[in-house]
Amino acid sequence: MTLSRRQLVAAAALGPLAPHAFAHHGWSSFDQDRPIYLEGKVIESKWRNPHAELVVETPAALALPADLKQRALPAQSAGVDGAALLGKAVVPTRKDRRWELELAPLTRMQAWKVQEIRAGAQIAAVGFTFKDEKGEAVMRVEYLFVDDQTYGLRSSPA
């Protein structure tokens, strides 16, 4: 059986889940040396596994907030140097206004007590996109800012 035939058999077995299974991005494809900052209005929310997803429309004049480097960050079970990530964050160079944000699996979102984020909400995030910002406008979120709450999505709360 050739690889493409195996993929067809797997897609047939997955049925309606197949588009989601093959569209999922592995974490290793994201540039973890260059955190980016995004903020904007949620225009679509997919609250499901393998991870929650948001589609966010960013403002035309996206800029780093003056207080980003000083924001208090929650403790996580994984060793993450959050202060360094916030200190290195930049706005993306690409001009896309709509970004897909990949959040954590629903069990982790529940551990952080994140309520389902719905269309119309204003959010901000620091995370990673693809190396050299090539490909889709996708961010893997490390820190999510909703209202006055900050969530560290790499691991569970400590």
C-alpha atoms as a PDB file:
ATOM      1  CA  MET A   1       0.000   0.000   0.000  1.00  0.00           C
ATOM      2  CA  THR A   2       1.461   3.376  -0.958  1.00  0.00           C
ATOM      3  CA  LEU A   3       1.525   6.261   1.485  1.00  0.00           C
ATOM      4  CA  SER A   4      -1.199   8.138  -0.396  1.00  0.00           C
ATOM      5  CA  ARG A   5      -3.406   5.053  -0.384  1.00  0.00           C
ATOM      6  CA  ARG A   6      -2.844   4.701   3.380  1.00  0.00           C
ATOM      7  CA  GLN A   7      -3.910   8.309   3.815  1.00  0.00           C
ATOM      8  CA  LEU A   8      -7.071   7.689   1.796  1.00  0.00           C
ATOM      9  CA  VAL A   9      -7.926   4.641   3.900  1.00  0.00           C
ATOM     10  CA  ALA A  10      -7.296   6.625   7.090  1.00  0.00           C
ATOM     11  CA  ALA A  11      -9.423   9.515   5.822  1.00  0.00           C
ATOM     12  CA  ALA A  12     -12.260   7.147   4.963  1.00  0.00           C
ATOM     13  CA  ALA A  13     -12.042   5.574   8.426  1.00  0.00           C
ATOM     14  CA  LEU A  14     -12.142   8.973  10.096  1.00  0.00           C
ATOM     15  CA  GLY A  15     -15.127  10.086   8.060  1.00  0.00           C
ATOM     16  CA  PRO A  16     -16.181  13.657   8.883  1.00  0.00           C
ATOM     17  CA  LEU A  17     -13.206  14.102  11.242  1.00  0.00           C
ATOM     18  CA  ALA A  18     -10.663  13.675   8.443  1.00  0.00           C
ATOM     19  CA  PRO A  19     -10.349  17.381   7.463  1.00  0.00           C
ATOM     20  CA  HIS A  20      -9.555  18.293  11.075  1.00  0.00           C
ATOM     21  CA  ALA A  21      -7.077  15.453  11.569  1.00  0.00           C
ATOM     22  CA  PHE A  22      -5.015  16.336   8.515  1.00  0.00           C
ATOM     23  CA  ALA A  23      -5.185  20.114   9.087  1.00  0.00           C
ATOM     24  CA  HIS A  24      -3.734  19.920  12.620  1.00  0.00           C
ATOM     25  CA  HIS A  25      -0.282  21.475  12.989  1.00  0.00           C
ATOM     26  CA  GLY A  26       2.457  19.805  15.029  1.00  0.00           C
ATOM     27  CA  TRP A  27       4.023  22.084  17.662  1.00  0.00           C
ATOM     28  CA  SER A  28       7.533  21.600  16.226  1.00  0.00           C
ATOM     29  CA  SER A  29       6.603  23.609  13.122  1.00  0.00           C
ATOM     30  CA  PHE A  30       6.302  26.832  15.147  1.00  0.00           C
ATOM     31  CA  ASP A  31       9.260  29.221  15.637  1.00  0.00           C
ATOM     32  CA  GLN A  32       9.687  29.217  19.420  1.00  0.00           C
ATOM     33  CA  ASP A  33      12.602  31.669  19.250  1.00  0.00           C
ATOM     34  CA  ARG A  34      10.388  34.553  18.093  1.00  0.00           C
ATOM     35  CA  PRO A  35       7.232  35.147  20.140  1.00  0.00           C
ATOM     36  CA  ILE A  36       4.611  37.380  18.560  1.00  0.00           C
ATOM     37  CA  TYR A  37       1.818  39.476  20.032  1.00  0.00           C
ATOM     38  CA  LEU A  38      -1.709  39.641  18.636  1.00  0.00           C
ATOM     39  CA  GLU A  39      -4.906  41.248  19.862  1.00  0.00           C
ATOM     40  CA  GLY A  40      -8.316  41.702  18.394  1.00  0.00           C
ATOM     41  CA  LYS A  41     -11.921  40.687  18.138  1.00  0.00           C
ATOM     42  CA  VAL A  42     -12.901  37.012  18.033  1.00  0.00           C
ATOM     43  CA  ILE A  43     -14.924  36.387  14.887  1.00  0.00           C
ATOM     44  CA  GLU A  44     -15.111  32.594  15.184  1.00  0.00           C
ATOM     45  CA  SER A  45     -14.709  30.148  18.069  1.00  0.00           C
ATOM     46  CA  LYS A  46     -14.227  26.382  17.819  1.00  0.00           C
ATOM     47  CA  TRP A  47     -14.368  25.028  21.364  1.00  0.00           C
ATOM     48  CA  ARG A  48     -13.347  21.404  20.701  1.00  0.00           C
ATOM     49  CA  ASN A  49     -10.441  18.975  20.759  1.00  0.00           C
ATOM     50  CA  PRO A  50      -7.682  18.396  19.806  1.00  0.00           C
ATOM     51  CA  HIS A  51      -7.504  22.040  20.955  1.00  0.00           C
ATOM     52  CA  ALA A  52      -9.749  25.062  21.107  1.00  0.00           C
ATOM     53  CA  GLU A  53      -9.329  27.504  18.224  1.00  0.00           C
ATOM     54  CA  LEU A  54     -10.210  31.133  17.698  1.00  0.00           C
ATOM     55  CA  VAL A  55     -10.234  33.224  14.551  1.00  0.00           C
ATOM     56  CA  VAL A  56      -9.296  36.774  15.490  1.00  0.00           C
ATOM     57  CA  GLU A  57      -9.424  39.964  13.455  1.00  0.00           C
ATOM     58  CA  THR A  58      -6.587  42.275  14.457  1.00  0.00           C
ATOM     59  CA  PRO A  59      -6.636  46.074  14.221  1.00  0.00           C
ATOM     60  CA  ALA A  60      -4.934  47.705  11.231  1.00  0.00           C
ATOM     61  CA  ALA A  61      -2.476  49.466  13.545  1.00  0.00           C
ATOM     62  CA  LEU A  62      -1.501  46.484  15.711  1.00  0.00           C
ATOM     63  CA  ALA A  63       1.159  47.508  18.260  1.00  0.00           C
ATOM     64  CA  LEU A  64       2.719  46.089  21.401  1.00  0.00           C
ATOM     65  CA  PRO A  65       1.046  47.405  24.552  1.00  0.00           C
ATOM     66  CA  ALA A  66       3.357  49.511  26.719  1.00  0.00           C
ATOM     67  CA  ASP A  67       2.757  47.273  29.753  1.00  0.00           C
ATOM     68  CA  LEU A  68       3.306  43.888  28.041  1.00  0.00           C
ATOM     69  CA  LYS A  69       6.756  43.259  29.574  1.00  0.00           C
ATOM     70  CA  GLN A  70       5.460  44.026  33.077  1.00  0.00           C
ATOM     71  CA  ARG A  71       2.331  41.854  33.035  1.00  0.00           C
ATOM     72  CA  ALA A  72       1.989  39.382  35.881  1.00  0.00           C
ATOM     73  CA  LEU A  73       1.975  35.797  34.671  1.00  0.00           C
ATOM     74  CA  PRO A  74       0.409  32.773  36.362  1.00  0.00           C
ATOM     75  CA  ALA A  75       2.531  29.862  37.551  1.00  0.00           C
ATOM     76  CA  GLN A  76       2.439  26.755  35.353  1.00  0.00           C
ATOM     77  CA  SER A  77       3.475  23.156  35.950  1.00  0.00           C
ATOM     78  CA  ALA A  78       5.928  23.384  33.005  1.00  0.00           C
ATOM     79  CA  GLY A  79       9.049  25.491  33.292  1.00  0.00           C
ATOM     80  CA  VAL A  80       8.294  28.465  31.052  1.00  0.00           C
ATOM     81  CA  ASP A  81      10.256  31.724  31.226  1.00  0.00           C
ATOM     82  CA  GLY A  82       7.191  33.847  30.608  1.00  0.00           C
ATOM     83  CA  ALA A  83       8.896  37.133  31.418  1.00  0.00           C
ATOM     84  CA  ALA A  84      11.496  36.457  28.721  1.00  0.00           C
ATOM     85  CA  LEU A  85       8.768  35.556  26.206  1.00  0.00           C
ATOM     86  CA  LEU A  86       6.881  38.778  26.872  1.00  0.00           C
ATOM     87  CA  GLY A  87      10.142  40.735  26.699  1.00  0.00           C
ATOM     88  CA  LYS A  88      10.981  39.303  23.261  1.00  0.00           C
ATOM     89  CA  ALA A  89       7.479  39.548  21.785  1.00  0.00           C
ATOM     90  CA  VAL A  90       7.038  41.488  18.559  1.00  0.00           C
ATOM     91  CA  VAL A  91       4.104  42.182  16.286  1.00  0.00           C
ATOM     92  CA  PRO A  92       4.072  40.018  13.173  1.00  0.00           C
ATOM     93  CA  THR A  93       5.595  41.391   9.990  1.00  0.00           C
ATOM     94  CA  ARG A  94       2.906  39.848   7.800  1.00  0.00           C
ATOM     95  CA  LYS A  95      -0.104  42.046   7.137  1.00  0.00           C
ATOM     96  CA  ASP A  96      -2.881  39.483   7.609  1.00  0.00           C
ATOM     97  CA  ARG A  97      -5.747  40.894   9.652  1.00  0.00           C
ATOM     98  CA  ARG A  98      -7.302  37.477  10.398  1.00  0.00           C
ATOM     99  CA  TRP A  99      -5.378  34.933  12.421  1.00  0.00           C
ATOM    100  CA  GLU A 100      -6.234  31.447  13.616  1.00  0.00           C
ATOM    101  CA  LEU A 101      -5.189  30.998  17.243  1.00  0.00           C
ATOM    102  CA  GLU A 102      -4.576  27.455  18.452  1.00  0.00           C
ATOM    103  CA  LEU A 103      -5.228  27.235  22.182  1.00  0.00           C
ATOM    104  CA  ALA A 104      -4.782  24.300  24.559  1.00  0.00           C
ATOM    105  CA  PRO A 105      -6.825  21.080  24.703  1.00  0.00           C
ATOM    106  CA  LEU A 106     -10.198  21.523  26.413  1.00  0.00           C
ATOM    107  CA  THR A 107      -9.075  19.644  29.541  1.00  0.00           C
ATOM    108  CA  ARG A 108      -6.286  22.183  30.044  1.00  0.00           C
ATOM    109  CA  MET A 109      -8.610  25.097  29.297  1.00  0.00           C
ATOM    110  CA  GLN A 110     -10.910  23.703  32.026  1.00  0.00           C
ATOM    111  CA  ALA A 111      -7.977  23.359  34.446  1.00  0.00           C
ATOM    112  CA  TRP A 112      -7.295  27.079  33.923  1.00  0.00           C
ATOM    113  CA  LYS A 113     -11.039  27.772  34.347  1.00  0.00           C
ATOM    114  CA  VAL A 114     -11.221  29.492  30.960  1.00  0.00           C
ATOM    115  CA  GLN A 115     -14.847  30.002  30.005  1.00  0.00           C
ATOM    116  CA  GLU A 116     -15.721  29.363  26.378  1.00  0.00           C
ATOM    117  CA  ILE A 117     -14.661  32.399  24.385  1.00  0.00           C
ATOM    118  CA  ARG A 118     -17.354  33.449  21.957  1.00  0.00           C
ATOM    119  CA  ALA A 119     -17.444  35.581  18.834  1.00  0.00           C
ATOM    120  CA  GLY A 120     -17.350  39.277  19.692  1.00  0.00           C
ATOM    121  CA  ALA A 121     -14.939  38.916  22.633  1.00  0.00           C
ATOM    122  CA  GLN A 122     -11.768  41.015  22.697  1.00  0.00           C
ATOM    123  CA  ILE A 123      -8.635  39.004  23.466  1.00  0.00           C
ATOM    124  CA  ALA A 124      -4.858  39.282  23.256  1.00  0.00           C
ATOM    125  CA  ALA A 125      -2.210  36.584  23.046  1.00  0.00           C
ATOM    126  CA  VAL A 126       1.506  35.928  22.941  1.00  0.00           C
ATOM    127  CA  GLY A 127       2.635  32.852  21.087  1.00  0.00           C
ATOM    128  CA  PHE A 128       4.406  31.506  18.042  1.00  0.00           C
ATOM    129  CA  THR A 129       3.816  31.343  14.320  1.00  0.00           C
ATOM    130  CA  PHE A 130       5.684  29.526  11.570  1.00  0.00           C
ATOM    131  CA  LYS A 131       9.353  30.245  10.891  1.00  0.00           C
ATOM    132  CA  ASP A 132       9.791  33.377   8.799  1.00  0.00           C
ATOM    133  CA  GLU A 133       5.988  33.808   9.081  1.00  0.00           C
ATOM    134  CA  LYS A 134       5.559  31.560   6.040  1.00  0.00           C
ATOM    135  CA  GLY A 135       2.335  29.683   5.353  1.00  0.00           C
ATOM    136  CA  GLU A 136      -0.945  30.310   7.091  1.00  0.00           C
ATOM    137  CA  ALA A 137      -1.623  33.093   9.596  1.00  0.00           C
ATOM    138  CA  VAL A 138      -1.665  30.721  12.577  1.00  0.00           C
ATOM    139  CA  MET A 139      -0.478  31.280  16.146  1.00  0.00           C
ATOM    140  CA  ARG A 140       0.126  28.641  18.803  1.00  0.00           C
ATOM    141  CA  VAL A 141      -0.828  30.529  21.959  1.00  0.00           C
ATOM    142  CA  GLU A 142       1.447  30.504  25.007  1.00  0.00           C
ATOM    143  CA  TYR A 143      -0.286  33.255  27.012  1.00  0.00           C
ATOM    144  CA  LEU A 144      -3.895  34.232  26.559  1.00  0.00           C
ATOM    145  CA  PHE A 145      -5.244  37.534  27.913  1.00  0.00           C
ATOM    146  CA  VAL A 146      -9.029  37.692  28.345  1.00  0.00           C
ATOM    147  CA  ASP A 147     -10.600  40.576  30.269  1.00  0.00           C
ATOM    148  CA  ASP A 148      -8.334  40.958  33.330  1.00  0.00           C
ATOM    149  CA  GLN A 149      -7.195  37.315  33.340  1.00  0.00           C
ATOM    150  CA  THR A 150      -3.978  35.797  32.030  1.00  0.00           C
ATOM    151  CA  TYR A 151      -3.732  32.085  31.220  1.00  0.00           C
ATOM    152  CA  GLY A 152      -0.537  30.140  30.553  1.00  0.00           C
ATOM    153  CA  LEU A 153      -1.517  27.474  28.065  1.00  0.00           C
ATOM    154  CA  ARG A 154       1.649  25.386  27.765  1.00  0.00           C
ATOM    155  CA  SER A 155       0.762  23.325  30.819  1.00  0.00           C
ATOM    156  CA  SER A 156      -1.619  23.117  33.747  1.00  0.00           C
ATOM    157  CA  PRO A 157      -1.745  25.705  36.530  1.00  0.00           C
ATOM    158  CA  ALA A 158       0.866  25.161  39.244  1.00  0.00           C
END
